[in-house]
């Protein structure tokens, strides 16, 4: 096997797949990439048993073949190689020669027959989603993380479903960690066929997918078939294995019909939360939000550090409401919006706070109230 390629064509994609090949699994070979050289192209595959990436790129193939090589070391060699054209030559006994002349590496490859099999999924009914919308959906999901010992399926993954709003079908993603919930709706083109059971995509896989989405690109094809979420564009595809389980009924949580809406300057509220959160700690993560006539007071009392109080004028009227919230969740949610003004909805001291846009319900963020000690 012998081929050469342009460094600029391959380096960026090798960088993006390091998150897939760097994930620890029960198979050592998942830290490799599989390279196939056929005709005038090479294909690169990364597979961590949950997320599979494949891409095809132009190359000068002298001898066709297949090899499995350590992803991290191969990427580091390509990144640091001084010339733009790079030659890869499998010499003997799985030893691979990379480069030529004064810059030459010899590294050993693995037995490619042990590389995980790439799922062969055919006859996929793809829909088209605007790249900017898909980027937003994945980013919104990734913000809501989970701890390393998490076992709940609905926390480990994000729900994908089809909804109908004002007579229009929309693609919805829902992500929660039980303390907050983010929901985003996007338009799509095509016929979306979903299985009857909940479609739950691992957040780890979505986080990796985010690296491959350029919000300025053409619409992207996505599909769901045979227990995989499939992303495809031009010469690259990502397949993410779905999680098995049921997603809880979240819809009552995002209903703000009986709540009190208030317009808030988004940037002003973020900076307020950033200042007040300076005094939070691992043991004292909550701040108190007190809503009363045309005023919001945010306070924190941390016996380990000190206390602080901030005031913000808002359009609130009614009975005083005092609730405790994690300020980080507010900052995470508000950073997802692009509007200068957002709507904050509250009801009482125990109910969640719901944040939405002034003009639409495309993005809804829910932050659960905490116990006031």
Protein backbone atom coordinates (compact mmCIF):
# COMPACT_ATOMS: atom_id res chain seq x y z
CA UNK A 1 0.00 0.00 0.00
CA UNK A 2 1.40 3.35 -1.03
CA UNK A 3 -0.25 6.73 -1.47
CA UNK A 4 0.37 10.45 -1.08
CA UNK A 5 -1.91 13.35 -0.23
CA UNK A 6 -2.02 17.08 0.34
CA UNK A 7 -1.46 17.97 4.01
CA UNK A 8 -4.07 20.76 3.89
CA UNK A 9 -6.75 18.30 2.72
CA UNK A 10 -6.31 15.90 5.64
CA UNK A 11 -4.91 17.71 8.68
CA UNK A 12 -8.14 19.42 9.75
CA UNK A 13 -10.24 16.27 9.61
CA UNK A 14 -7.62 14.30 11.55
CA UNK A 15 -7.87 16.98 14.24
CA UNK A 16 -11.66 16.72 14.40
CA UNK A 17 -11.77 12.94 14.86
CA UNK A 18 -9.38 12.91 17.85
CA UNK A 19 -12.38 13.08 20.19
CA UNK A 20 -13.75 9.85 18.70
CA UNK A 21 -10.45 7.93 18.65
CA UNK A 22 -9.43 9.32 22.04
CA UNK A 23 -12.44 7.84 23.84
CA UNK A 24 -11.60 4.79 25.97
CA UNK A 25 -13.43 1.59 25.00
CA UNK A 26 -12.96 -2.11 25.66
CA UNK A 27 -11.13 -2.39 22.31
CA UNK A 28 -7.65 -0.87 22.03
CA UNK A 29 -7.93 -0.63 18.25
CA UNK A 30 -10.65 2.06 18.50
CA UNK A 31 -7.77 4.49 19.07
CA UNK A 32 -6.78 3.79 15.44
CA UNK A 33 -8.14 5.11 12.20
CA UNK A 34 -8.79 2.83 9.23
CA UNK A 35 -7.36 4.10 5.94
CA UNK A 36 -8.35 2.57 2.61
CA UNK A 37 -6.56 3.61 -0.59
CA UNK A 38 -8.54 2.83 -3.74
CA UNK A 39 -8.45 4.42 -7.20
CA UNK A 40 -7.63 8.09 -6.75
CA UNK A 41 -8.95 8.47 -3.21
CA UNK A 42 -8.39 7.47 0.39
CA UNK A 43 -11.17 6.89 2.92
CA UNK A 44 -10.64 7.53 6.63
CA UNK A 45 -12.81 5.84 9.28
CA UNK A 46 -12.94 6.42 13.05
CA UNK A 47 -15.13 4.19 15.23
CA UNK A 48 -15.47 4.23 19.03
CA UNK A 49 -18.35 1.71 18.94
CA UNK A 50 -20.86 4.52 19.54
CA UNK A 51 -19.91 7.16 16.96
CA UNK A 52 -18.60 6.33 13.49
CA UNK A 53 -17.00 8.86 11.13
CA UNK A 54 -16.16 8.18 7.49
CA UNK A 55 -14.69 10.59 4.94
CA UNK A 56 -13.31 10.28 1.42
CA UNK A 57 -10.51 12.52 0.08
CA UNK A 58 -8.43 12.93 -3.06
CA UNK A 59 -5.03 11.23 -3.09
CA UNK A 60 -2.39 9.87 -5.44
CA UNK A 61 -2.65 6.11 -5.00
CA UNK A 62 0.31 4.09 -6.27
CA UNK A 63 -0.63 0.80 -4.58
CA UNK A 64 -4.10 0.11 -3.21
CA UNK A 65 -4.58 -1.32 0.27
CA UNK A 66 -5.90 -0.99 3.83
CA UNK A 67 -4.17 -0.13 7.09
CA UNK A 68 -5.12 0.59 10.69
CA UNK A 69 -2.88 3.14 12.36
CA UNK A 70 -2.82 5.03 15.67
CA UNK A 71 -4.93 8.15 15.16
CA UNK A 72 -3.13 10.46 17.59
CA UNK A 73 0.38 9.67 16.37
CA UNK A 74 -0.63 9.84 12.72
CA UNK A 75 -2.27 13.23 13.28
CA UNK A 76 0.75 14.60 15.17
CA UNK A 77 3.11 13.47 12.40
CA UNK A 78 0.94 15.03 9.69
CA UNK A 79 0.53 18.26 11.68
CA UNK A 80 4.27 18.71 12.22
CA UNK A 81 5.47 17.43 8.86
CA UNK A 82 7.42 20.22 7.08
CA UNK A 83 6.23 19.59 3.50
CA UNK A 84 2.75 19.89 2.02
CA UNK A 85 2.87 16.59 0.11
CA UNK A 86 3.05 13.55 2.38
CA UNK A 87 3.80 9.99 1.28
CA UNK A 88 2.51 6.98 3.22
CA UNK A 89 4.03 3.60 2.36
CA UNK A 90 3.35 0.27 4.08
CA UNK A 91 6.67 -1.52 3.73
CA UNK A 92 6.56 -4.93 5.48
CA UNK A 93 5.18 -6.68 8.57
CA UNK A 94 2.72 -3.79 9.09
CA UNK A 95 5.49 -1.20 9.37
CA UNK A 96 4.43 2.10 7.80
CA UNK A 97 6.82 4.68 6.41
CA UNK A 98 5.58 8.28 6.47
CA UNK A 99 7.41 11.05 4.62
CA UNK A 100 10.61 11.03 2.60
CA UNK A 101 14.17 12.38 2.56
CA UNK A 102 15.22 14.17 5.74
CA UNK A 103 11.80 13.83 7.41
CA UNK A 104 10.95 10.17 7.67
CA UNK A 105 8.91 8.25 10.26
CA UNK A 106 8.48 4.52 10.75
CA UNK A 107 5.55 3.42 12.93
CA UNK A 108 3.85 0.07 13.30
CA UNK A 109 0.26 -0.42 12.20
CA UNK A 110 -2.37 -2.71 13.74
CA UNK A 111 -4.10 -5.66 12.14
CA UNK A 112 -6.88 -3.92 10.23
CA UNK A 113 -9.05 -7.06 10.38
CA UNK A 114 -9.57 -6.30 14.10
CA UNK A 115 -10.95 -2.81 13.37
CA UNK A 116 -14.66 -2.50 14.30
CA UNK A 117 -16.98 -3.11 11.37
CA UNK A 118 -18.61 0.01 9.95
CA UNK A 119 -22.42 -0.31 9.95
CA UNK A 120 -23.79 -0.72 6.43
CA UNK A 121 -27.03 1.24 6.39
CA UNK A 122 -28.85 1.57 3.08
CA UNK A 123 -32.00 3.17 1.70
CA UNK A 124 -31.98 6.03 4.18
CA UNK A 125 -34.78 8.61 3.95
CA UNK A 126 -32.82 11.80 4.53
CA UNK A 127 -34.28 15.16 5.45
CA UNK A 128 -32.51 18.47 4.88
CA UNK A 129 -31.83 20.76 7.83
CA UNK A 130 -30.31 24.22 7.59
CA UNK A 131 -26.68 23.97 8.75
CA UNK A 132 -27.07 26.89 11.16
CA UNK A 133 -30.12 25.26 12.75
CA UNK A 134 -28.40 21.89 13.08
CA UNK A 135 -25.35 23.56 14.61
CA UNK A 136 -27.64 25.29 17.12
CA UNK A 137 -29.47 22.07 17.96
CA UNK A 138 -26.25 20.21 18.68
CA UNK A 139 -24.77 23.12 20.69
CA UNK A 140 -27.93 23.40 22.80
CA UNK A 141 -27.75 19.69 23.60
CA UNK A 142 -24.03 19.80 24.43
CA UNK A 143 -24.45 22.61 26.98
CA UNK A 144 -26.47 20.31 29.24
CA UNK A 145 -23.85 17.79 30.33
CA UNK A 146 -23.77 14.97 32.86
CA UNK A 147 -21.46 13.51 35.50
CA UNK A 148 -19.22 10.54 34.85
CA UNK A 149 -21.31 8.16 36.99
CA UNK A 150 -24.63 9.12 35.36
CA UNK A 151 -26.87 6.14 34.51
CA UNK A 152 -30.17 7.75 33.49
CA UNK A 153 -30.68 7.33 29.74
CA UNK A 154 -32.65 10.57 29.37
CA UNK A 155 -29.72 12.48 30.90
CA UNK A 156 -27.04 10.68 28.88
CA UNK A 157 -28.85 11.45 25.64
CA UNK A 158 -31.02 14.05 23.92
CA UNK A 159 -34.48 13.40 22.53
CA UNK A 160 -35.17 13.91 18.83
CA UNK A 161 -38.78 14.03 17.73
CA UNK A 162 -41.13 15.48 15.14
CA UNK A 163 -43.73 17.98 16.28
CA UNK A 164 -46.44 19.97 14.53
CA UNK A 165 -46.72 23.70 15.28
CA UNK A 166 -49.16 26.00 13.46
CA UNK A 167 -49.67 23.29 10.86
CA UNK A 168 -45.94 22.95 10.15
CA UNK A 169 -43.79 19.91 10.92
CA UNK A 170 -40.65 20.73 12.89
CA UNK A 171 -37.65 18.76 14.13
CA UNK A 172 -37.24 19.13 17.90
CA UNK A 173 -34.33 18.34 20.20
CA UNK A 174 -34.74 18.19 23.98
CA UNK A 175 -31.86 17.98 26.46
CA UNK A 176 -31.99 17.84 30.25
CA UNK A 177 -29.96 16.91 33.32
CA UNK A 178 -33.08 17.03 35.57
CA UNK A 179 -32.03 20.47 36.89
CA UNK A 180 -32.56 22.32 33.61
CA UNK A 181 -34.01 21.60 30.19
CA UNK A 182 -33.33 23.05 26.74
CA UNK A 183 -35.70 22.63 23.81
CA UNK A 184 -35.13 23.78 20.22
CA UNK A 185 -37.28 23.47 17.07
CA UNK A 186 -35.95 23.61 13.51
CA UNK A 187 -37.57 23.55 10.10
CA UNK A 188 -36.68 20.76 7.71
CA UNK A 189 -37.39 19.58 4.16
CA UNK A 190 -38.39 16.06 3.27
CA UNK A 191 -40.27 13.20 4.88
CA UNK A 192 -39.14 12.33 8.40
CA UNK A 193 -39.95 8.77 9.43
CA UNK A 194 -39.24 8.04 13.09
CA UNK A 195 -39.59 4.77 15.02
CA UNK A 196 -42.40 4.52 17.57
CA UNK A 197 -39.99 4.34 20.52
CA UNK A 198 -38.13 7.38 21.82
CA UNK A 199 -35.22 8.47 19.63
CA UNK A 200 -32.46 9.30 22.12
CA UNK A 201 -29.06 10.35 20.77
CA UNK A 202 -26.01 10.16 23.10
CA UNK A 203 -24.76 13.62 24.05
CA UNK A 204 -21.18 12.40 23.61
CA UNK A 205 -21.90 11.63 19.98
CA UNK A 206 -23.65 14.96 19.42
CA UNK A 207 -20.68 16.76 20.95
CA UNK A 208 -18.39 15.09 18.40
CA UNK A 209 -20.85 15.81 15.58
CA UNK A 210 -20.69 19.51 16.44
CA UNK A 211 -17.08 19.60 15.20
CA UNK A 212 -18.14 18.63 11.68
CA UNK A 213 -20.95 21.17 11.20
CA UNK A 214 -20.14 24.44 9.49
CA UNK A 215 -23.05 26.81 10.09
CA UNK A 216 -22.28 28.60 6.81
CA UNK A 217 -22.45 25.46 4.66
CA UNK A 218 -25.32 24.21 2.49
CA UNK A 219 -28.25 22.39 4.11
CA UNK A 220 -27.19 19.09 5.70
CA UNK A 221 -28.81 15.69 5.29
CA UNK A 222 -29.82 13.82 8.42
CA UNK A 223 -31.66 10.55 8.83
CA UNK A 224 -32.59 7.94 11.43
CA UNK A 225 -32.52 4.26 10.56
CA UNK A 226 -31.58 0.91 12.11
CA UNK A 227 -30.81 2.38 15.54
CA UNK A 228 -28.50 5.08 14.14
CA UNK A 229 -28.70 8.84 13.72
CA UNK A 230 -26.96 9.62 10.44
CA UNK A 231 -25.39 12.93 9.38
CA UNK A 232 -24.19 13.26 5.80
CA UNK A 233 -22.67 15.97 3.68
CA UNK A 234 -20.71 15.75 0.44
CA UNK A 235 -17.83 13.34 1.17
CA UNK A 236 -18.29 12.85 4.92
CA UNK A 237 -20.76 11.10 7.20
CA UNK A 238 -21.22 10.56 10.94
CA UNK A 239 -23.32 7.75 12.43
CA UNK A 240 -24.30 7.83 16.11
CA UNK A 241 -25.78 4.75 17.76
CA UNK A 242 -29.05 5.53 19.53
CA UNK A 243 -29.68 4.79 23.20
CA UNK A 244 -32.41 2.35 24.27
CA UNK A 245 -34.90 3.76 26.74
CA UNK A 246 -37.94 5.95 27.27
CA UNK A 247 -37.82 9.73 27.53
CA UNK A 248 -40.04 11.28 30.23
CA UNK A 249 -42.93 13.56 29.30
CA UNK A 250 -41.29 16.98 29.29
CA UNK A 251 -44.09 19.00 27.67
CA UNK A 252 -45.79 20.16 30.93
CA UNK A 253 -42.44 21.60 32.04
CA UNK A 254 -42.16 23.94 29.03
CA UNK A 255 -45.72 25.24 29.35
CA UNK A 256 -45.60 28.89 30.43
CA UNK A 257 -49.27 29.82 29.78
CA UNK A 258 -50.03 30.59 33.44
CA UNK A 259 -46.70 32.26 34.22
CA UNK A 260 -45.80 35.93 34.57
CA UNK A 261 -43.71 37.13 31.59
CA UNK A 262 -41.05 39.85 31.90
CA UNK A 263 -38.85 41.45 29.27
CA UNK A 264 -35.17 41.48 30.30
CA UNK A 265 -32.06 42.87 28.66
CA UNK A 266 -30.12 39.69 27.91
CA UNK A 267 -26.58 41.08 28.12
CA UNK A 268 -27.34 43.02 31.29
CA UNK A 269 -28.77 39.92 32.96
CA UNK A 270 -25.79 37.78 31.93
CA UNK A 271 -23.27 40.23 33.36
CA UNK A 272 -25.33 40.49 36.56
CA UNK A 273 -25.29 36.71 36.94
CA UNK A 274 -21.58 36.61 36.17
CA UNK A 275 -20.84 39.11 38.95
CA UNK A 276 -23.09 37.46 41.52
CA UNK A 277 -21.71 33.98 40.75
CA UNK A 278 -18.22 35.07 41.86
CA UNK A 279 -19.25 34.21 45.41
CA UNK A 280 -20.62 30.75 44.59
CA UNK A 281 -18.68 27.61 45.57
CA UNK A 282 -19.08 23.85 45.35
CA UNK A 283 -21.15 23.84 48.53
CA UNK A 284 -23.08 27.07 47.83
CA UNK A 285 -24.18 27.13 44.19
CA UNK A 286 -27.51 28.96 44.46
CA UNK A 287 -28.51 32.62 44.40
CA UNK A 288 -31.84 34.07 45.53
CA UNK A 289 -33.98 35.87 42.95
CA UNK A 290 -36.66 38.11 44.46
CA UNK A 291 -39.27 39.52 42.07
CA UNK A 292 -41.35 42.43 43.32
CA UNK A 293 -42.86 45.63 41.91
CA UNK A 294 -40.73 46.54 38.85
CA UNK A 295 -37.60 45.14 40.49
CA UNK A 296 -35.50 42.01 40.57
CA UNK A 297 -33.08 41.58 43.45
CA UNK A 298 -30.41 38.90 43.22
CA UNK A 299 -28.57 37.98 46.42
CA UNK A 300 -26.09 35.40 47.59
CA UNK A 301 -24.92 34.60 51.10
CA UNK A 302 -21.98 32.23 51.23
CA UNK A 303 -20.64 31.72 54.77
CA UNK A 304 -17.37 30.45 53.28
CA UNK A 305 -16.71 33.63 51.27
CA UNK A 306 -19.15 36.49 51.83
CA UNK A 307 -22.34 38.00 50.41
CA UNK A 308 -23.49 40.19 47.53
CA UNK A 309 -26.65 41.89 46.27
CA UNK A 310 -27.60 43.17 42.80
CA UNK A 311 -30.72 45.00 41.61
CA UNK A 312 -32.25 45.14 38.14
CA UNK A 313 -35.33 47.11 37.05
CA UNK A 314 -37.87 44.89 35.28
CA UNK A 315 -41.53 44.99 34.33
CA UNK A 316 -42.92 42.82 37.12
CA UNK A 317 -46.15 43.31 39.04
CA UNK A 318 -47.97 41.05 41.43
CA UNK A 319 -47.28 39.15 44.62
CA UNK A 320 -43.60 38.92 45.58
CA UNK A 321 -41.83 35.77 44.38
CA UNK A 322 -38.61 34.54 45.96
CA UNK A 323 -36.78 31.58 44.36
CA UNK A 324 -33.32 30.03 44.40
CA UNK A 325 -31.50 29.15 41.17
CA UNK A 326 -28.07 28.15 39.96
CA UNK A 327 -26.66 31.27 38.21
CA UNK A 328 -24.50 29.16 35.86
CA UNK A 329 -27.64 27.68 34.32
CA UNK A 330 -28.93 31.19 33.58
CA UNK A 331 -25.65 32.17 31.91
CA UNK A 332 -25.57 28.97 29.85
CA UNK A 333 -29.15 29.46 28.71
CA UNK A 334 -28.91 33.19 27.96
CA UNK A 335 -25.76 32.64 25.87
CA UNK A 336 -27.80 30.43 23.54
CA UNK A 337 -30.05 33.33 22.54
CA UNK A 338 -29.10 35.96 19.99
CA UNK A 339 -31.82 38.47 20.89
CA UNK A 340 -31.00 41.61 22.86
CA UNK A 341 -34.26 41.18 24.80
CA UNK A 342 -35.57 37.86 26.15
CA UNK A 343 -38.69 36.89 28.06
CA UNK A 344 -38.32 35.42 31.54
CA UNK A 345 -41.40 33.63 32.87
CA UNK A 346 -41.97 32.91 36.58
CA UNK A 347 -44.90 31.60 38.60
CA UNK A 348 -44.07 31.00 42.26
CA UNK A 349 -41.17 30.14 44.54
CA UNK A 350 -41.16 26.41 43.69
CA UNK A 351 -41.84 26.55 39.96
CA UNK A 352 -39.12 26.64 37.30
CA UNK A 353 -38.10 29.76 35.40
CA UNK A 354 -38.68 29.61 31.64
CA UNK A 355 -36.64 31.71 29.22
CA UNK A 356 -37.71 32.27 25.62
CA UNK A 357 -37.28 34.69 22.78
CA UNK A 358 -39.35 37.83 22.50
CA UNK A 359 -40.62 36.87 19.04
CA UNK A 360 -40.91 33.07 18.88
CA UNK A 361 -40.79 29.76 20.74
CA UNK A 362 -38.00 28.25 18.66
CA UNK A 363 -35.74 28.02 21.70
CA UNK A 364 -37.08 27.44 25.22
CA UNK A 365 -34.83 27.04 28.27
CA UNK A 366 -36.15 25.83 31.62
CA UNK A 367 -34.25 26.24 34.89
CA UNK A 368 -35.54 24.35 37.91
CA UNK A 369 -35.90 26.15 41.23
CA UNK A 370 -33.69 25.02 44.12
CA UNK A 371 -34.55 24.67 47.77
CA UNK A 372 -34.11 27.90 49.76
CA UNK A 373 -32.17 27.01 52.88
